């Protein structure tokens, strides 16, 4: 009897590991949980881009209306991929769009925006990555939907596509914007 159990023990271990493996494969890696959901925007103050923007502060820039906050960098290939969509979002005028350039120098960000267009209402730059860490940024681009009270309602990881905008972000922004 004991010998039979010993023979089946490795099969049982493999079966348990297989269940965990299959469960992991079915999860969407873009849906990363954020501890900031349903919490106010962290307090911060970032310098605006030289000659272009006033300082971007968590308290002032994110109250009074629903806002999108997009973390990006001039070095980021996926940021360039989503850039045309951000320009379309800005052209719609549904929501203010603020950016935080991280892991970047202001002159690099300015050159990149001049070359590819500037969809942002305001841009702050985070050369120390302190604000990116406070927001729990794992890479770029990442975008937050912030309600009129300055509370983070949603985090999107990766480029915003037309599908993400139409099916997720736009409906959420419209719901948050209606009194």
C-alpha atoms as a PDB file:
ATOM      1  CA  UNK A   1       0.000   0.000   0.000  1.00  0.00           C
ATOM      2  CA  UNK A   2       2.753   2.421   0.945  1.00  0.00           C
ATOM      3  CA  UNK A   3       4.623   1.627  -2.293  1.00  0.00           C
ATOM      4  CA  UNK A   4       1.607   2.575  -4.388  1.00  0.00           C
ATOM      5  CA  UNK A   5       1.348   5.949  -2.657  1.00  0.00           C
ATOM      6  CA  UNK A   6       5.030   6.612  -3.292  1.00  0.00           C
ATOM      7  CA  UNK A   7       4.545   5.837  -7.004  1.00  0.00           C
ATOM      8  CA  UNK A   8       1.576   8.192  -7.310  1.00  0.00           C
ATOM      9  CA  UNK A   9       3.077  11.049  -5.287  1.00  0.00           C
ATOM     10  CA  UNK A  10       5.137  12.444  -8.215  1.00  0.00           C
ATOM     11  CA  UNK A  11       2.033  12.318 -10.423  1.00  0.00           C
ATOM     12  CA  UNK A  12       0.076  14.237  -7.807  1.00  0.00           C
ATOM     13  CA  UNK A  13       2.803  16.908  -7.565  1.00  0.00           C
ATOM     14  CA  UNK A  14       2.896  17.255 -11.371  1.00  0.00           C
ATOM     15  CA  UNK A  15      -0.909  17.546 -11.490  1.00  0.00           C
ATOM     16  CA  UNK A  16      -0.933  20.336  -8.890  1.00  0.00           C
ATOM     17  CA  UNK A  17       1.835  22.232 -10.700  1.00  0.00           C
ATOM     18  CA  UNK A  18      -0.026  21.795 -13.994  1.00  0.00           C
ATOM     19  CA  UNK A  19      -3.166  23.374 -12.497  1.00  0.00           C
ATOM     20  CA  UNK A  20      -1.163  26.432 -11.366  1.00  0.00           C
ATOM     21  CA  UNK A  21       0.569  26.655 -14.755  1.00  0.00           C
ATOM     22  CA  UNK A  22      -2.704  26.543 -16.713  1.00  0.00           C
ATOM     23  CA  UNK A  23      -4.266  29.137 -14.397  1.00  0.00           C
ATOM     24  CA  UNK A  24      -1.296  31.466 -14.964  1.00  0.00           C
ATOM     25  CA  UNK A  25      -1.555  31.134 -18.738  1.00  0.00           C
ATOM     26  CA  UNK A  26      -5.195  32.193 -18.670  1.00  0.00           C
ATOM     27  CA  UNK A  27      -4.527  35.483 -16.871  1.00  0.00           C
ATOM     28  CA  UNK A  28      -4.036  38.707 -18.814  1.00  0.00           C
ATOM     29  CA  UNK A  29      -0.588  40.144 -17.944  1.00  0.00           C
ATOM     30  CA  UNK A  30      -1.838  43.645 -18.851  1.00  0.00           C
ATOM     31  CA  UNK A  31      -4.344  43.555 -16.003  1.00  0.00           C
ATOM     32  CA  UNK A  32      -1.937  44.309 -13.218  1.00  0.00           C
ATOM     33  CA  UNK A  33      -3.561  45.202  -9.939  1.00  0.00           C
ATOM     34  CA  UNK A  34      -2.846  48.683  -8.660  1.00  0.00           C
ATOM     35  CA  UNK A  35      -2.879  49.543  -4.986  1.00  0.00           C
ATOM     36  CA  UNK A  36      -3.747  53.107  -6.012  1.00  0.00           C
ATOM     37  CA  UNK A  37      -7.216  52.315  -7.355  1.00  0.00           C
ATOM     38  CA  UNK A  38      -9.900  54.217  -5.435  1.00  0.00           C
ATOM     39  CA  UNK A  39      -7.233  56.356  -3.765  1.00  0.00           C
ATOM     40  CA  UNK A  40      -6.343  60.000  -4.327  1.00  0.00           C
ATOM     41  CA  UNK A  41      -3.545  60.841  -6.746  1.00  0.00           C
ATOM     42  CA  UNK A  42      -0.267  60.808  -4.794  1.00  0.00           C
ATOM     43  CA  UNK A  43       0.945  64.262  -3.806  1.00  0.00           C
ATOM     44  CA  UNK A  44       3.672  65.420  -6.172  1.00  0.00           C
ATOM     45  CA  UNK A  45       5.026  68.457  -7.957  1.00  0.00           C
ATOM     46  CA  UNK A  46       6.987  68.086 -11.175  1.00  0.00           C
ATOM     47  CA  UNK A  47       8.659  70.756 -13.222  1.00  0.00           C
ATOM     48  CA  UNK A  48       6.931  71.432 -16.507  1.00  0.00           C
ATOM     49  CA  UNK A  49       8.847  71.172 -19.754  1.00  0.00           C
ATOM     50  CA  UNK A  50      11.100  74.242 -20.119  1.00  0.00           C
ATOM     51  CA  UNK A  51       9.470  77.092 -21.994  1.00  0.00           C
ATOM     52  CA  UNK A  52       6.282  75.126 -22.439  1.00  0.00           C
ATOM     53  CA  UNK A  53       4.405  74.008 -19.339  1.00  0.00           C
ATOM     54  CA  UNK A  54       3.765  75.160 -15.802  1.00  0.00           C
ATOM     55  CA  UNK A  55       4.577  72.704 -13.039  1.00  0.00           C
ATOM     56  CA  UNK A  56       2.408  69.596 -12.926  1.00  0.00           C
ATOM     57  CA  UNK A  57       1.132  68.918  -9.430  1.00  0.00           C
ATOM     58  CA  UNK A  58      -1.018  66.082  -8.237  1.00  0.00           C
ATOM     59  CA  UNK A  59      -3.286  68.323  -6.233  1.00  0.00           C
ATOM     60  CA  UNK A  60      -4.023  71.056  -8.790  1.00  0.00           C
ATOM     61  CA  UNK A  61      -4.005  69.237 -12.129  1.00  0.00           C
ATOM     62  CA  UNK A  62      -6.390  66.444 -11.192  1.00  0.00           C
ATOM     63  CA  UNK A  63      -9.399  67.999  -9.517  1.00  0.00           C
ATOM     64  CA  UNK A  64     -12.536  69.459 -11.011  1.00  0.00           C
ATOM     65  CA  UNK A  65     -12.820  67.186 -14.058  1.00  0.00           C
ATOM     66  CA  UNK A  66     -12.046  63.656 -15.177  1.00  0.00           C
ATOM     67  CA  UNK A  67      -8.457  63.469 -16.462  1.00  0.00           C
ATOM     68  CA  UNK A  68      -6.139  61.021 -18.200  1.00  0.00           C
ATOM     69  CA  UNK A  69      -2.560  60.785 -16.947  1.00  0.00           C
ATOM     70  CA  UNK A  70      -0.140  59.061 -19.317  1.00  0.00           C
ATOM     71  CA  UNK A  71       3.392  57.975 -18.372  1.00  0.00           C
ATOM     72  CA  UNK A  72       5.647  57.905 -21.444  1.00  0.00           C
ATOM     73  CA  UNK A  73       9.230  58.347 -22.601  1.00  0.00           C
ATOM     74  CA  UNK A  74      10.999  59.404 -25.775  1.00  0.00           C
ATOM     75  CA  UNK A  75      12.931  56.112 -25.599  1.00  0.00           C
ATOM     76  CA  UNK A  76       9.735  54.023 -25.569  1.00  0.00           C
ATOM     77  CA  UNK A  77       8.745  52.205 -28.773  1.00  0.00           C
ATOM     78  CA  UNK A  78       5.259  51.350 -27.461  1.00  0.00           C
ATOM     79  CA  UNK A  79       4.725  55.041 -26.596  1.00  0.00           C
ATOM     80  CA  UNK A  80       5.265  55.939 -30.232  1.00  0.00           C
ATOM     81  CA  UNK A  81       2.838  53.163 -31.165  1.00  0.00           C
ATOM     82  CA  UNK A  82       0.061  54.734 -29.041  1.00  0.00           C
ATOM     83  CA  UNK A  83       0.925  58.355 -29.888  1.00  0.00           C
ATOM     84  CA  UNK A  84      -1.497  58.721 -32.809  1.00  0.00           C
ATOM     85  CA  UNK A  85      -4.328  57.441 -30.609  1.00  0.00           C
ATOM     86  CA  UNK A  86      -3.450  59.980 -27.906  1.00  0.00           C
ATOM     87  CA  UNK A  87      -3.637  62.713 -30.553  1.00  0.00           C
ATOM     88  CA  UNK A  88      -7.122  61.494 -31.528  1.00  0.00           C
ATOM     89  CA  UNK A  89      -8.201  61.450 -27.883  1.00  0.00           C
ATOM     90  CA  UNK A  90      -6.947  65.011 -27.469  1.00  0.00           C
ATOM     91  CA  UNK A  91      -8.729  66.123 -30.658  1.00  0.00           C
ATOM     92  CA  UNK A  92     -12.035  64.731 -29.337  1.00  0.00           C
ATOM     93  CA  UNK A  93     -11.782  67.097 -26.375  1.00  0.00           C
ATOM     94  CA  UNK A  94     -13.594  64.690 -24.070  1.00  0.00           C
ATOM     95  CA  UNK A  95     -10.954  64.734 -21.358  1.00  0.00           C
ATOM     96  CA  UNK A  96      -7.751  66.628 -20.491  1.00  0.00           C
ATOM     97  CA  UNK A  97      -4.634  64.571 -21.166  1.00  0.00           C
ATOM     98  CA  UNK A  98      -1.569  65.145 -19.004  1.00  0.00           C
ATOM     99  CA  UNK A  99       1.740  63.383 -19.455  1.00  0.00           C
ATOM    100  CA  UNK A 100       4.650  62.483 -17.244  1.00  0.00           C
ATOM    101  CA  UNK A 101       7.885  61.838 -19.091  1.00  0.00           C
ATOM    102  CA  UNK A 102       9.965  59.445 -17.031  1.00  0.00           C
ATOM    103  CA  UNK A 103      13.435  58.000 -17.488  1.00  0.00           C
ATOM    104  CA  UNK A 104      13.904  60.965 -19.817  1.00  0.00           C
ATOM    105  CA  UNK A 105      15.604  64.333 -19.980  1.00  0.00           C
ATOM    106  CA  UNK A 106      13.484  67.428 -20.728  1.00  0.00           C
ATOM    107  CA  UNK A 107      15.346  68.221 -23.962  1.00  0.00           C
ATOM    108  CA  UNK A 108      14.794  64.658 -25.238  1.00  0.00           C
ATOM    109  CA  UNK A 109      11.078  64.870 -24.418  1.00  0.00           C
ATOM    110  CA  UNK A 110      10.745  68.247 -26.151  1.00  0.00           C
ATOM    111  CA  UNK A 111      12.481  66.948 -29.288  1.00  0.00           C
ATOM    112  CA  UNK A 112      10.279  63.851 -29.328  1.00  0.00           C
ATOM    113  CA  UNK A 113       7.073  65.904 -28.976  1.00  0.00           C
ATOM    114  CA  UNK A 114       8.209  68.298 -31.710  1.00  0.00           C
ATOM    115  CA  UNK A 115       8.949  65.385 -34.042  1.00  0.00           C
ATOM    116  CA  UNK A 116       5.787  63.335 -33.387  1.00  0.00           C
ATOM    117  CA  UNK A 117       3.231  65.927 -32.267  1.00  0.00           C
ATOM    118  CA  UNK A 118       2.098  66.958 -28.832  1.00  0.00           C
ATOM    119  CA  UNK A 119      -1.231  65.554 -27.600  1.00  0.00           C
ATOM    120  CA  UNK A 120      -0.723  66.660 -23.990  1.00  0.00           C
ATOM    121  CA  UNK A 121      -2.297  69.596 -22.172  1.00  0.00           C
ATOM    122  CA  UNK A 122       0.598  69.609 -19.721  1.00  0.00           C
ATOM    123  CA  UNK A 123       3.731  67.524 -19.307  1.00  0.00           C
ATOM    124  CA  UNK A 124       5.841  67.111 -16.216  1.00  0.00           C
ATOM    125  CA  UNK A 125       9.174  65.372 -16.285  1.00  0.00           C
ATOM    126  CA  UNK A 126      10.341  62.854 -13.741  1.00  0.00           C
ATOM    127  CA  UNK A 127      14.082  62.450 -14.219  1.00  0.00           C
ATOM    128  CA  UNK A 128      14.498  60.746 -10.830  1.00  0.00           C
ATOM    129  CA  UNK A 129      11.621  58.272 -11.438  1.00  0.00           C
ATOM    130  CA  UNK A 130      10.321  59.026  -7.938  1.00  0.00           C
ATOM    131  CA  UNK A 131       6.783  59.775  -9.165  1.00  0.00           C
ATOM    132  CA  UNK A 132       6.761  56.713 -11.436  1.00  0.00           C
ATOM    133  CA  UNK A 133       7.620  54.601  -8.387  1.00  0.00           C
ATOM    134  CA  UNK A 134       4.847  56.252  -6.327  1.00  0.00           C
ATOM    135  CA  UNK A 135       2.348  55.391  -9.081  1.00  0.00           C
ATOM    136  CA  UNK A 136       3.663  51.823  -9.314  1.00  0.00           C
ATOM    137  CA  UNK A 137       4.727  52.167 -12.944  1.00  0.00           C
ATOM    138  CA  UNK A 138       6.218  48.949 -14.299  1.00  0.00           C
ATOM    139  CA  UNK A 139       6.997  50.235 -17.793  1.00  0.00           C
ATOM    140  CA  UNK A 140       5.777  52.593 -20.437  1.00  0.00           C
ATOM    141  CA  UNK A 141       3.249  53.503 -21.496  1.00  0.00           C
ATOM    142  CA  UNK A 142       0.819  53.351 -18.592  1.00  0.00           C
ATOM    143  CA  UNK A 143      -2.289  55.492 -18.301  1.00  0.00           C
ATOM    144  CA  UNK A 144      -4.533  56.366 -15.369  1.00  0.00           C
ATOM    145  CA  UNK A 145      -8.132  57.585 -15.389  1.00  0.00           C
ATOM    146  CA  UNK A 146      -8.590  60.070 -12.554  1.00  0.00           C
ATOM    147  CA  UNK A 147     -12.044  61.278 -11.516  1.00  0.00           C
ATOM    148  CA  UNK A 148     -13.053  64.889 -10.796  1.00  0.00           C
ATOM    149  CA  UNK A 149     -12.259  64.449  -7.095  1.00  0.00           C
ATOM    150  CA  UNK A 150      -8.666  63.460  -7.933  1.00  0.00           C
ATOM    151  CA  UNK A 151      -9.197  59.759  -7.197  1.00  0.00           C
ATOM    152  CA  UNK A 152      -7.606  57.092  -9.424  1.00  0.00           C
ATOM    153  CA  UNK A 153     -10.353  54.971 -10.967  1.00  0.00           C
ATOM    154  CA  UNK A 154      -8.507  52.867 -13.533  1.00  0.00           C
ATOM    155  CA  UNK A 155      -5.003  51.907 -14.678  1.00  0.00           C
ATOM    156  CA  UNK A 156      -4.222  50.768 -18.214  1.00  0.00           C
ATOM    157  CA  UNK A 157      -0.882  49.084 -18.888  1.00  0.00           C
ATOM    158  CA  UNK A 158       0.467  49.237 -22.431  1.00  0.00           C
ATOM    159  CA  UNK A 159      -0.448  51.277 -25.483  1.00  0.00           C
ATOM    160  CA  UNK A 160      -3.960  52.649 -25.785  1.00  0.00           C
ATOM    161  CA  UNK A 161      -5.454  51.185 -28.930  1.00  0.00           C
ATOM    162  CA  UNK A 162      -8.671  52.156 -30.653  1.00  0.00           C
ATOM    163  CA  UNK A 163     -10.320  49.099 -29.078  1.00  0.00           C
ATOM    164  CA  UNK A 164      -9.132  50.012 -25.560  1.00  0.00           C
ATOM    165  CA  UNK A 165     -10.347  53.574 -26.060  1.00  0.00           C
ATOM    166  CA  UNK A 166     -13.757  52.591 -27.464  1.00  0.00           C
ATOM    167  CA  UNK A 167     -14.516  49.669 -25.168  1.00  0.00           C
ATOM    168  CA  UNK A 168     -12.883  50.633 -21.875  1.00  0.00           C
ATOM    169  CA  UNK A 169     -11.532  54.149 -21.400  1.00  0.00           C
ATOM    170  CA  UNK A 170     -14.136  56.258 -23.242  1.00  0.00           C
ATOM    171  CA  UNK A 171     -17.162  54.588 -21.547  1.00  0.00           C
ATOM    172  CA  UNK A 172     -15.491  54.894 -18.144  1.00  0.00           C
ATOM    173  CA  UNK A 173     -14.679  58.577 -18.705  1.00  0.00           C
ATOM    174  CA  UNK A 174     -18.232  59.271 -19.895  1.00  0.00           C
ATOM    175  CA  UNK A 175     -19.678  57.499 -16.832  1.00  0.00           C
ATOM    176  CA  UNK A 176     -17.405  59.434 -14.495  1.00  0.00           C
ATOM    177  CA  UNK A 177     -18.221  62.730 -16.239  1.00  0.00           C
ATOM    178  CA  UNK A 178     -21.990  62.473 -15.842  1.00  0.00           C
ATOM    179  CA  UNK A 179     -23.279  64.001 -12.615  1.00  0.00           C
END
